[in-house]
Amino acid sequence: MGKESLDRGAKTAAVTSDRKFFDRPFITVGEAVCCRRLQQQLARTKKGSLDRRRTLAAMNEITGRR
């Protein structure tokens, strides 16, 4: 086999040039529980409030979207 290129994406963790897929969980079990709790908390906050911004910041910290 020659050189393989690697492609990283959002749908699949990694794909090589010979079409081997390597997946991984993008969020751990504990993070999923915390994210669900934060989503519920977000639903109860007022739009534009400081609490809402803090909740969104905590969610972004878990999911990695900054």
PDB file of N, CA and C in Angstrom:
ATOM      1  N   MET A   1       0.831  -1.173   0.000  1.00  0.00           N
ATOM      2  CA  MET A   1       0.000   0.000   0.000  1.00  0.00           C
ATOM      3  C   MET A   1       0.878   1.240   0.000  1.00  0.00           C
ATOM      4  N   GLY A   2       0.445   2.244  -0.690  1.00  0.00           N
ATOM      5  CA  GLY A   2       1.160   3.508  -0.741  1.00  0.00           C
ATOM      6  C   GLY A   2       0.742   4.433   0.371  1.00  0.00           C
ATOM      7  N   LYS A   3       0.999   5.683   0.154  1.00  0.00           N
ATOM      8  CA  LYS A   3       0.606   6.675   1.157  1.00  0.00           C
ATOM      9  C   LYS A   3      -0.910   6.788   1.197  1.00  0.00           C
ATOM     10  N   GLU A   4      -1.406   6.950   2.378  1.00  0.00           N
ATOM     11  CA  GLU A   4      -2.840   7.142   2.553  1.00  0.00           C
ATOM     12  C   GLU A   4      -3.084   8.561   3.014  1.00  0.00           C
ATOM     13  N   SER A   5      -4.123   9.180   2.494  1.00  0.00           N
ATOM     14  CA  SER A   5      -4.500  10.493   2.997  1.00  0.00           C
ATOM     15  C   SER A   5      -5.606  10.309   4.024  1.00  0.00           C
ATOM     16  N   LEU A   6      -5.736  11.295   4.877  1.00  0.00           N
ATOM     17  CA  LEU A   6      -6.699  11.218   5.955  1.00  0.00           C
ATOM     18  C   LEU A   6      -7.640  12.402   5.860  1.00  0.00           C
ATOM     19  N   ASP A   7      -8.933  12.142   5.977  1.00  0.00           N
ATOM     20  CA  ASP A   7      -9.939  13.194   5.938  1.00  0.00           C
ATOM     21  C   ASP A   7     -10.719  13.161   7.240  1.00  0.00           C
ATOM     22  N   ARG A   8     -10.766  14.306   7.917  1.00  0.00           N
ATOM     23  CA  ARG A   8     -11.540  14.403   9.158  1.00  0.00           C
ATOM     24  C   ARG A   8     -12.796  15.212   8.875  1.00  0.00           C
ATOM     25  N   GLY A   9     -13.894  14.755   9.434  1.00  0.00           N
ATOM     26  CA  GLY A   9     -15.144  15.456   9.191  1.00  0.00           C
ATOM     27  C   GLY A   9     -16.036  15.460  10.406  1.00  0.00           C
ATOM     28  N   ALA A  10     -17.220  16.014  10.226  1.00  0.00           N
ATOM     29  CA  ALA A  10     -18.168  16.108  11.329  1.00  0.00           C
ATOM     30  C   ALA A  10     -19.037  14.859  11.424  1.00  0.00           C
ATOM     31  N   LYS A  11     -19.291  14.224  10.307  1.00  0.00           N
ATOM     32  CA  LYS A  11     -20.170  13.064  10.303  1.00  0.00           C
ATOM     33  C   LYS A  11     -19.415  11.801  10.727  1.00  0.00           C
ATOM     34  N   THR A  12     -18.197  11.635  10.251  1.00  0.00           N
ATOM     35  CA  THR A  12     -17.352  10.503  10.590  1.00  0.00           C
ATOM     36  C   THR A  12     -16.060  11.049  11.169  1.00  0.00           C
ATOM     37  N   ALA A  13     -15.532  10.413  12.193  1.00  0.00           N
ATOM     38  CA  ALA A  13     -14.325  10.909  12.855  1.00  0.00           C
ATOM     39  C   ALA A  13     -13.154  10.981  11.882  1.00  0.00           C
ATOM     40  N   ALA A  14     -12.908   9.926  11.122  1.00  0.00           N
ATOM     41  CA  ALA A  14     -11.793   9.925  10.166  1.00  0.00           C
ATOM     42  C   ALA A  14     -12.068   8.916   9.058  1.00  0.00           C
ATOM     43  N   VAL A  15     -11.588   9.228   7.837  1.00  0.00           N
ATOM     44  CA  VAL A  15     -11.708   8.347   6.690  1.00  0.00           C
ATOM     45  C   VAL A  15     -10.384   8.378   5.955  1.00  0.00           C
ATOM     46  N   THR A  16      -9.829   7.201   5.651  1.00  0.00           N
ATOM     47  CA  THR A  16      -8.578   7.148   4.895  1.00  0.00           C
ATOM     48  C   THR A  16      -8.887   7.130   3.407  1.00  0.00           C
ATOM     49  N   SER A  17      -7.841   7.291   2.595  1.00  0.00           N
ATOM     50  CA  SER A  17      -8.040   7.340   1.144  1.00  0.00           C
ATOM     51  C   SER A  17      -8.506   6.002   0.586  1.00  0.00           C
ATOM     52  N   ASP A  18      -8.239   4.902   1.287  1.00  0.00           N
ATOM     53  CA  ASP A  18      -8.731   3.611   0.807  1.00  0.00           C
ATOM     54  C   ASP A  18     -10.087   3.260   1.426  1.00  0.00           C
ATOM     55  N   ARG A  19     -10.816   4.301   1.865  1.00  0.00           N
ATOM     56  CA  ARG A  19     -12.199   4.238   2.315  1.00  0.00           C
ATOM     57  C   ARG A  19     -12.391   3.421   3.587  1.00  0.00           C
ATOM     58  N   LYS A  20     -11.432   3.480   4.513  1.00  0.00           N
ATOM     59  CA  LYS A  20     -11.608   2.876   5.832  1.00  0.00           C
ATOM     60  C   LYS A  20     -12.160   3.947   6.752  1.00  0.00           C
ATOM     61  N   PHE A  21     -13.259   3.638   7.435  1.00  0.00           N
ATOM     62  CA  PHE A  21     -13.920   4.585   8.310  1.00  0.00           C
ATOM     63  C   PHE A  21     -13.545   4.296   9.763  1.00  0.00           C
ATOM     64  N   PHE A  22     -13.182   5.319  10.482  1.00  0.00           N
ATOM     65  CA  PHE A  22     -12.860   5.211  11.895  1.00  0.00           C
ATOM     66  C   PHE A  22     -13.777   6.165  12.638  1.00  0.00           C
ATOM     67  N   ASP A  23     -14.722   5.590  13.374  1.00  0.00           N
ATOM     68  CA  ASP A  23     -15.686   6.399  14.108  1.00  0.00           C
ATOM     69  C   ASP A  23     -15.336   6.400  15.583  1.00  0.00           C
ATOM     70  N   ARG A  24     -15.792   7.400  16.277  1.00  0.00           N
ATOM     71  CA  ARG A  24     -15.644   7.487  17.720  1.00  0.00           C
ATOM     72  C   ARG A  24     -16.836   8.259  18.250  1.00  0.00           C
ATOM     73  N   PRO A  25     -17.194   8.040  19.502  1.00  0.00           N
ATOM     74  CA  PRO A  25     -18.277   8.844  20.074  1.00  0.00           C
ATOM     75  C   PRO A  25     -17.806  10.283  20.224  1.00  0.00           C
ATOM     76  N   PHE A  26     -18.578  11.221  19.751  1.00  0.00           N
ATOM     77  CA  PHE A  26     -18.188  12.623  19.806  1.00  0.00           C
ATOM     78  C   PHE A  26     -18.490  13.228  21.168  1.00  0.00           C
ATOM     79  N   ILE A  27     -19.202  12.501  22.008  1.00  0.00           N
ATOM     80  CA  ILE A  27     -19.546  13.000  23.327  1.00  0.00           C
ATOM     81  C   ILE A  27     -19.611  11.792  24.263  1.00  0.00           C
ATOM     82  N   THR A  28     -19.075  11.934  25.463  1.00  0.00           N
ATOM     83  CA  THR A  28     -19.087  10.824  26.407  1.00  0.00           C
ATOM     84  C   THR A  28     -20.464  10.711  27.064  1.00  0.00           C
ATOM     85  N   VAL A  29     -20.676   9.630  27.796  1.00  0.00           N
ATOM     86  CA  VAL A  29     -21.959   9.416  28.459  1.00  0.00           C
ATOM     87  C   VAL A  29     -22.210  10.525  29.484  1.00  0.00           C
ATOM     88  N   GLY A  30     -21.204  10.853  30.264  1.00  0.00           N
ATOM     89  CA  GLY A  30     -21.350  11.907  31.262  1.00  0.00           C
ATOM     90  C   GLY A  30     -21.631  13.256  30.636  1.00  0.00           C
ATOM     91  N   GLU A  31     -20.966  13.537  29.510  1.00  0.00           N
ATOM     92  CA  GLU A  31     -21.208  14.795  28.809  1.00  0.00           C
ATOM     93  C   GLU A  31     -22.612  14.839  28.226  1.00  0.00           C
ATOM     94  N   ALA A  32     -23.117  13.698  27.770  1.00  0.00           N
ATOM     95  CA  ALA A  32     -24.476  13.642  27.223  1.00  0.00           C
ATOM     96  C   ALA A  32     -25.506  13.959  28.303  1.00  0.00           C
ATOM     97  N   VAL A  33     -25.290  13.431  29.507  1.00  0.00           N
ATOM     98  CA  VAL A  33     -26.202  13.700  30.624  1.00  0.00           C
ATOM     99  C   VAL A  33     -26.165  15.184  30.967  1.00  0.00           C
ATOM    100  N   CYS A  34     -24.968  15.744  31.053  1.00  0.00           N
ATOM    101  CA  CYS A  34     -24.810  17.158  31.386  1.00  0.00           C
ATOM    102  C   CYS A  34     -25.413  18.042  30.294  1.00  0.00           C
ATOM    103  N   CYS A  35     -25.222  17.658  29.034  1.00  0.00           N
ATOM    104  CA  CYS A  35     -25.758  18.438  27.913  1.00  0.00           C
ATOM    105  C   CYS A  35     -27.288  18.430  27.934  1.00  0.00           C
ATOM    106  N   ARG A  36     -27.876  17.298  28.256  1.00  0.00           N
ATOM    107  CA  ARG A  36     -29.335  17.216  28.342  1.00  0.00           C
ATOM    108  C   ARG A  36     -29.854  18.125  29.453  1.00  0.00           C
ATOM    109  N   ARG A  37     -29.179  18.113  30.598  1.00  0.00           N
ATOM    110  CA  ARG A  37     -29.576  18.976  31.714  1.00  0.00           C
ATOM    111  C   ARG A  37     -29.465  20.447  31.318  1.00  0.00           C
ATOM    112  N   LEU A  38     -28.396  20.785  30.601  1.00  0.00           N
ATOM    113  CA  LEU A  38     -28.220  22.171  30.165  1.00  0.00           C
ATOM    114  C   LEU A  38     -29.269  22.575  29.129  1.00  0.00           C
ATOM    115  N   GLN A  39     -29.673  21.634  28.258  1.00  0.00           N
ATOM    116  CA  GLN A  39     -30.718  21.931  27.278  1.00  0.00           C
ATOM    117  C   GLN A  39     -32.040  22.217  27.983  1.00  0.00           C
ATOM    118  N   GLN A  40     -32.328  21.468  29.037  1.00  0.00           N
ATOM    119  CA  GLN A  40     -33.549  21.712  29.801  1.00  0.00           C
ATOM    120  C   GLN A  40     -33.483  23.067  30.496  1.00  0.00           C
ATOM    121  N   GLN A  41     -32.307  23.377  31.046  1.00  0.00           N
ATOM    122  CA  GLN A  41     -32.117  24.661  31.706  1.00  0.00           C
ATOM    123  C   GLN A  41     -32.244  25.803  30.697  1.00  0.00           C
ATOM    124  N   LEU A  42     -31.728  25.612  29.496  1.00  0.00           N
ATOM    125  CA  LEU A  42     -31.812  26.628  28.447  1.00  0.00           C
ATOM    126  C   LEU A  42     -33.263  26.909  28.077  1.00  0.00           C
ATOM    127  N   ALA A  43     -34.079  25.873  28.049  1.00  0.00           N
ATOM    128  CA  ALA A  43     -35.488  26.030  27.697  1.00  0.00           C
ATOM    129  C   ALA A  43     -36.242  26.875  28.724  1.00  0.00           C
ATOM    130  N   ARG A  44     -35.749  26.893  29.962  1.00  0.00           N
ATOM    131  CA  ARG A  44     -36.422  27.648  31.016  1.00  0.00           C
ATOM    132  C   ARG A  44     -35.929  29.097  31.134  1.00  0.00           C
ATOM    133  N   THR A  45     -34.847  29.452  30.434  1.00  0.00           N
ATOM    134  CA  THR A  45     -34.292  30.801  30.576  1.00  0.00           C
ATOM    135  C   THR A  45     -34.945  31.764  29.596  1.00  0.00           C
ATOM    136  N   LYS A  46     -34.907  33.042  29.944  1.00  0.00           N
ATOM    137  CA  LYS A  46     -35.445  34.082  29.073  1.00  0.00           C
ATOM    138  C   LYS A  46     -34.437  34.416  27.986  1.00  0.00           C
ATOM    139  N   LYS A  47     -34.927  34.628  26.784  1.00  0.00           N
ATOM    140  CA  LYS A  47     -34.046  34.998  25.688  1.00  0.00           C
ATOM    141  C   LYS A  47     -33.373  36.335  25.992  1.00  0.00           C
ATOM    142  N   GLY A  48     -32.063  36.389  25.742  1.00  0.00           N
ATOM    143  CA  GLY A  48     -31.303  37.608  25.962  1.00  0.00           C
ATOM    144  C   GLY A  48     -30.795  37.792  27.381  1.00  0.00           C
ATOM    145  N   SER A  49     -31.095  36.848  28.278  1.00  0.00           N
ATOM    146  CA  SER A  49     -30.683  37.005  29.674  1.00  0.00           C
ATOM    147  C   SER A  49     -29.242  36.531  29.872  1.00  0.00           C
ATOM    148  N   LEU A  50     -28.649  36.966  30.971  1.00  0.00           N
ATOM    149  CA  LEU A  50     -27.287  36.564  31.319  1.00  0.00           C
ATOM    150  C   LEU A  50     -27.236  35.069  31.622  1.00  0.00           C
ATOM    151  N   ASP A  51     -28.278  34.545  32.286  1.00  0.00           N
ATOM    152  CA  ASP A  51     -28.330  33.108  32.575  1.00  0.00           C
ATOM    153  C   ASP A  51     -28.336  32.294  31.282  1.00  0.00           C
ATOM    154  N   ARG A  52     -29.058  32.767  30.277  1.00  0.00           N
ATOM    155  CA  ARG A  52     -29.108  32.063  28.995  1.00  0.00           C
ATOM    156  C   ARG A  52     -27.737  32.033  28.337  1.00  0.00           C
ATOM    157  N   ARG A  53     -27.024  33.172  28.383  1.00  0.00           N
ATOM    158  CA  ARG A  53     -25.678  33.219  27.794  1.00  0.00           C
ATOM    159  C   ARG A  53     -24.723  32.286  28.529  1.00  0.00           C
ATOM    160  N   ARG A  54     -24.854  32.227  29.855  1.00  0.00           N
ATOM    161  CA  ARG A  54     -23.998  31.320  30.637  1.00  0.00           C
ATOM    162  C   ARG A  54     -24.301  29.859  30.316  1.00  0.00           C
ATOM    163  N   THR A  55     -25.574  29.541  30.171  1.00  0.00           N
ATOM    164  CA  THR A  55     -25.980  28.179  29.839  1.00  0.00           C
ATOM    165  C   THR A  55     -25.467  27.797  28.454  1.00  0.00           C
ATOM    166  N   LEU A  56     -25.596  28.689  27.489  1.00  0.00           N
ATOM    167  CA  LEU A  56     -25.089  28.429  26.139  1.00  0.00           C
ATOM    168  C   LEU A  56     -23.576  28.254  26.151  1.00  0.00           C
ATOM    169  N   ALA A  57     -22.879  29.060  26.949  1.00  0.00           N
ATOM    170  CA  ALA A  57     -21.419  28.941  27.041  1.00  0.00           C
ATOM    171  C   ALA A  57     -21.028  27.577  27.605  1.00  0.00           C
ATOM    172  N   ALA A  58     -21.780  27.104  28.599  1.00  0.00           N
ATOM    173  CA  ALA A  58     -21.507  25.777  29.177  1.00  0.00           C
ATOM    174  C   ALA A  58     -21.775  24.673  28.153  1.00  0.00           C
ATOM    175  N   MET A  59     -22.842  24.810  27.379  1.00  0.00           N
ATOM    176  CA  MET A  59     -23.147  23.833  26.340  1.00  0.00           C
ATOM    177  C   MET A  59     -22.068  23.832  25.263  1.00  0.00           C
ATOM    178  N   ASN A  60     -21.609  25.006  24.874  1.00  0.00           N
ATOM    179  CA  ASN A  60     -20.557  25.115  23.862  1.00  0.00           C
ATOM    180  C   ASN A  60     -19.255  24.521  24.355  1.00  0.00           C
ATOM    181  N   GLU A  61     -19.001  24.622  25.632  1.00  0.00           N
ATOM    182  CA  GLU A  61     -17.797  24.034  26.215  1.00  0.00           C
ATOM    183  C   GLU A  61     -17.811  22.507  26.071  1.00  0.00           C
ATOM    184  N   ILE A  62     -18.985  21.913  26.245  1.00  0.00           N
ATOM    185  CA  ILE A  62     -19.111  20.463  26.136  1.00  0.00           C
ATOM    186  C   ILE A  62     -19.023  20.024  24.681  1.00  0.00           C
ATOM    187  N   THR A  63     -19.748  20.684  23.812  1.00  0.00           N
ATOM    188  CA  THR A  63     -19.811  20.244  22.414  1.00  0.00           C
ATOM    189  C   THR A  63     -18.630  20.732  21.593  1.00  0.00           C
ATOM    190  N   GLY A  64     -17.862  21.675  22.101  1.00  0.00           N
ATOM    191  CA  GLY A  64     -16.667  22.132  21.395  1.00  0.00           C
ATOM    192  C   GLY A  64     -16.919  23.191  20.358  1.00  0.00           C
ATOM    193  N   ARG A  65     -18.128  23.709  20.267  1.00  0.00           N
ATOM    194  CA  ARG A  65     -18.427  24.770  19.299  1.00  0.00           C
ATOM    195  C   ARG A  65     -18.278  26.107  19.985  1.00  0.00           C
ATOM    196  N   ARG A  66     -17.229  26.833  19.649  1.00  0.00           N
ATOM    197  CA  ARG A  66     -16.983  28.111  20.306  1.00  0.00           C
ATOM    198  C   ARG A  66     -17.126  29.237  19.356  1.00  0.00           C
TER     199      ARG A  66
END
